[in-house]
Amino acid sequence: MSRYVSRQTVKQVAFRVVLYSLTVFFSITGNTAPSQLSDYFKEVWTTRDGLPHNTINGIAQSEDGYLWVGTWEGAARFNGRSFTVFGRGEPSGMPDVGIRTIYKNRQQNLIFAGARGGLSERRPDDWQSWQPYRVLINGVADDKQGNLWLATEGQGVYRQAARGERTQLTIQQGLPSNVVSSVLSTDDGSIWLGTGRGLVRLNSEDESFALEQVNGLPEVPVLALTAYNNGLLIGTERGLYQYQAGQVSVFSPQLMNLPVSVLLAFDNQIWIGTTDRGLLRYSDAGLESLNMAAGLPNNRILSLFRDRENSIWVGTNGGLFRLRDAPFVTLTTEQGLAGNYIRSVLSHSDGSVWVGSSQGVSRITKQGVEAIDLSAYSDGQSVLSMVEGPDGSVWVGTHSDGVLQWQDGAIVQQYNRHTGLLANEVRAIAVTPQGGLWVGTGHGLNYVDGNGVRSFTSEDGLPTPFVMGLYLHDDGRLFIGTGGGVVIRSPHGDITPVDISNLDDAEYAFGFAPDPAADLLWMSTDRGLVAYDLTTGGLTMLGRDAGLPVDKVFQAVIDQDRHLWLSSNRGILRFRREQIEAYLAGQREQVDYELFGESDGMQSAQTNGGSMQAATLVQDGTVWFATSKGASRVNPAELKRFSANTPPVVIEGFKVNGSALPLHTEKDIAPGADRIEIQFAGLGFVMPERIQYRTRLKGFDNSWVDRGSNTIAEYTNLPPGDYLFMVSASYPGGAWGEQNASFRFTIAPYFWQQTGFWIVVLLTVIAMVIVAHRWRMKSLRQRAEELSTKVAEQTYTLKQQADNLRKVDEERSALLLEIKRQAAEFEQQARSDKLTGLANRRAFDESLHRECARSKRRNLPLCLALLDIDHFKQINDTFNHSIGDKVLKLVADAISQHCREEDLVARWGGEEFAILLPNCGNQAAHDICERIRQAVSETDCSAIAPDISLTISIGVTAYHSDDTFDKLISRADKALYAAKEAGRNRLNQI
């Protein structure tokens, strides 16, 4: 599934109401008022993302958690990542693909209705359809008696009784029009019918079907009805009306003559869809609107729905639209910023936030966004850096016009090349308590005070003259970040270099972030984050080896809970304090992180750096970041709200040897199930890509297995037996769901794997022994009789008979040995891969447990290698699976031939293999795997098929005494993934 996020620029003439939202945009955290429309994160799905049609007539959520949408080309079920389309015929039973409405009945089942009078109920395990009505059904409602009420386009209203009979009401029975657009059932037993000429009410318990015309409405189509405040909201072609205590009144003068098409009311909010004017919301914040200029795919609204996670889904004529709260809120020119390309954000002591962009400076307060005019001193007004002075003034570093001092609403000072600066490009500023000014430029460092301007360049000890970051410590030390490293200037003027080049060859120092509680200074570099001990001068790198997904990081921020935030070109990372401390103490090899990007509310995951400050902590606890498309802010205290819900999880698919099987009942699987694949999905729509999964296959797994965000579990060569597959889901940082999805299946054994077979074998052996014994005794008796009469002359014959007896005994022993050998072969077959003859996953796991325990007990080296055939899917697709199987055998033979006798080679699954290398250090493991890689690349495949070129990628890692098995395998898998990412046909060792 592809998905795109829409946040188009709002035209001021179309959305003056958005300006009102800015007055409350920065309200105090924890306010229970609904988010402003401008704060909601917007997403759009269309036919490009798998929808069968862009007109979304209906939206609902089934009890299992799926989101369903109705279109003119069928119903589509959405799991947060992909759509499954249901058309006419089986299984829905609909006579036509066109779905006009979806209704959830009192049994919590979904009812689909639409073209040609199609009517079908989606139950937990199946569908039930009714005989078509041969007319378009616009709406559905059900009463307490179980009857369905169907609003139609031209044939009035039908009642589909629970017992099966149908009753039709038209203008002959008193309807003002045969066109009925909306229908609503209320708890008092009333059925409300929105017709082409007003609103009608009837009592569902009255079999006389007496119709009561609701007075006070214009004789125009009533298109929408919803319960509201012990009454009704009535949406018509000429405005929104309210019905209460038998009286109709205009809901609001602002909504007069508004063509209302659909309504949604909850929590003192009224969401209003219109036929041609987009989406409106009436709430405590006033009347707000949203149309195509603000991201709607189309101004015609056909359906509205609020899901269990409080997202608002909007069905339009141009696709499915969703509004939701997101962890990040991004401000752009749409909210009044001077520009979208943000380079610096500053938290001022007066509570305001200053945002410096490529087009000027904006000052944000609770009253709104204020533009700071720099045009008299800066033609381009392109801002790179900002800092607050001791007197509350703001120093602004520009790209081309030096540094400006803003105070009391005006620019009061300017320093540039004409006044002594080395360059007009000012990327870093630091102010001393005495009012002195350090200015970092593209050509060096300047210090400005009452004595003038002094300059410092490479000749004075700077690694390079390109200065990007400055930090003035309380003790007077000045930390200077440049394009060639970091130096420290003491209060006495001495320059001391800080060598970061030995930390993964770090070079650029983009910024600094003090961490007083830990007595650290965090340095952002082009190879990760460096922790500098302010007392000892010690350095610790938090980079790729520690688990960071990127090299370059621009700005670190310590939030009010002392967690660490980090900006990068691929998004914003968050690290928990306890993990950082454990890593610095040497108690962890890697740290976990959360990566936030565009699906979390950012308009661009690319943050900017190389200027001051690229991120900042504001007094209210929010953290702000400069990005390539706006200033993004996050409130860390509210993050738990987004992971508090536990998404339900469902099992979506079950495959045996690549063939899909139905899920409705427990499965009995025939012998020979080499590969079993189970597909599942967490039905959460706020952060579907970040849902975490864990699985357990009872009968195989001893405990839960973390799957990360992977939605497929695959098992190969499972032994015969009964299995129970379980899966649960959670959002990052949230609790695992108590309700697990589960599925039972049984793998039948081959005849030789059955207990009865071995009983027969045992009885056969016993019978053979008895027969042999009896035959022997009979022979002995015969020989004894002959010996009694022919002792002398039969001595030689007796010797031959004795030899025969020994042979019989040997044959019996040989038979028993053969039976034992066959039993051992059967056991071996159950522990080996059928195709390649290598050990299977079960045998490999047992060996891995055993070797890790031995390595830890005896302090012996142990290495693990994971191998993957490059482009194997292309071989299968180009040729066939038979050729693919032959390729797997060739690779298996090549691996086995180049391993040592004590090494264990196993088929890991699919085109992956694993090698366990006991008593083998890193270099030896590297050499063995490199020989294997070369041997595979030199393999001649012409006998199998022309033009096949084989290569493999290998990930190798060594076992450490504190490793868990999962950690060892995960590290090898990461090494393999790195080899794949680096271009394949290579070996990567961690």
Foldseek 3Di string as FASTA:
>chain_A
DDWDWDFFFFDCVLFVVVLLLQLQQPPFPPDPFDHDLQQWGKIFDAVVQPDPAQFFQEWDAAPLQWIWTFAQQAIWTDQQRHTDGDADDPPFPFPGRHWRYWDQAPVRWIWTAFALQWIWTDDPQGIDTDDRPGFTWQEWYAFPQGWIWTFTAQQAIWIQHPVGDIDGDAVVLPDPHSHWNYWDADPVQKIWTFGQFAIWIFHNVDPSGRIDGQPDDGGGTFQEWDDDDQWIWTATQFFIWTADPSDIDGPDPVGGNFRFHYWDDDDQKIWTQGQAQAIWIAHPSGIGGDAVNRPDQGNGWNYWDQDPLRKIWTRGNRGIMIIDRFQKGFDACSQPAQHFQWAEWDAFPVQWIWTFAQQAIWIRDSRGIHGQDPCVQDVRRHWQAWDAEPVRWIWTQHQARAIFIGDPRRTDDGDAVVQPDPHSHWFEWDADNVGWIWTQGQAAIWIQDPVGIDTDAVVLPDQHSHWQEWDQDPQGWIWTWGQAAIWIQHNVGDIGGQDCCVVVHWGGWFYWDDDVVQCWIWTFTQAAIWTARNPPRDIDGQGVQQPDPGGGWAAWEQFPQRWIWIAAQQAIKIFGPVQVVCVVVVNDRHTDIDGDAVLRHDPGRGFHTSHYPQKYAYPSRKIWGRGRGGIMIGRVVCPVSVFADFFRKEWDWKDFPRHTDDQSAAAEAEPDRFKIKIFMAGSDNSCRQQKWKWKDKPVADPDIHTDGSDGMDMDGLDAFDKIKMWMWITGVVYDTDPDIYIHIYTYDHDPCPDPVNVVVVVVVLVVVVVVLVVVVVVVVVVVVVVCVPQVPPCVVVVVVVVVVVVVSVVVNVVVVVVVVVVVVVVVLVSQARPLQRAGEPRVVVVVVVVLLVVCLVVVAKKKKKKKAKPPLVVVCVVPHVVLSSVLLNVLSVLLVVLDDPPKGWYAHDDRMIMIIDTNDDDVRVVVSVLSSQVSQQPDDCVVSPPPDGIGMEMFMEIDDSPDDPVRNVVNRVVQSVVCVVVPGSYYGYD
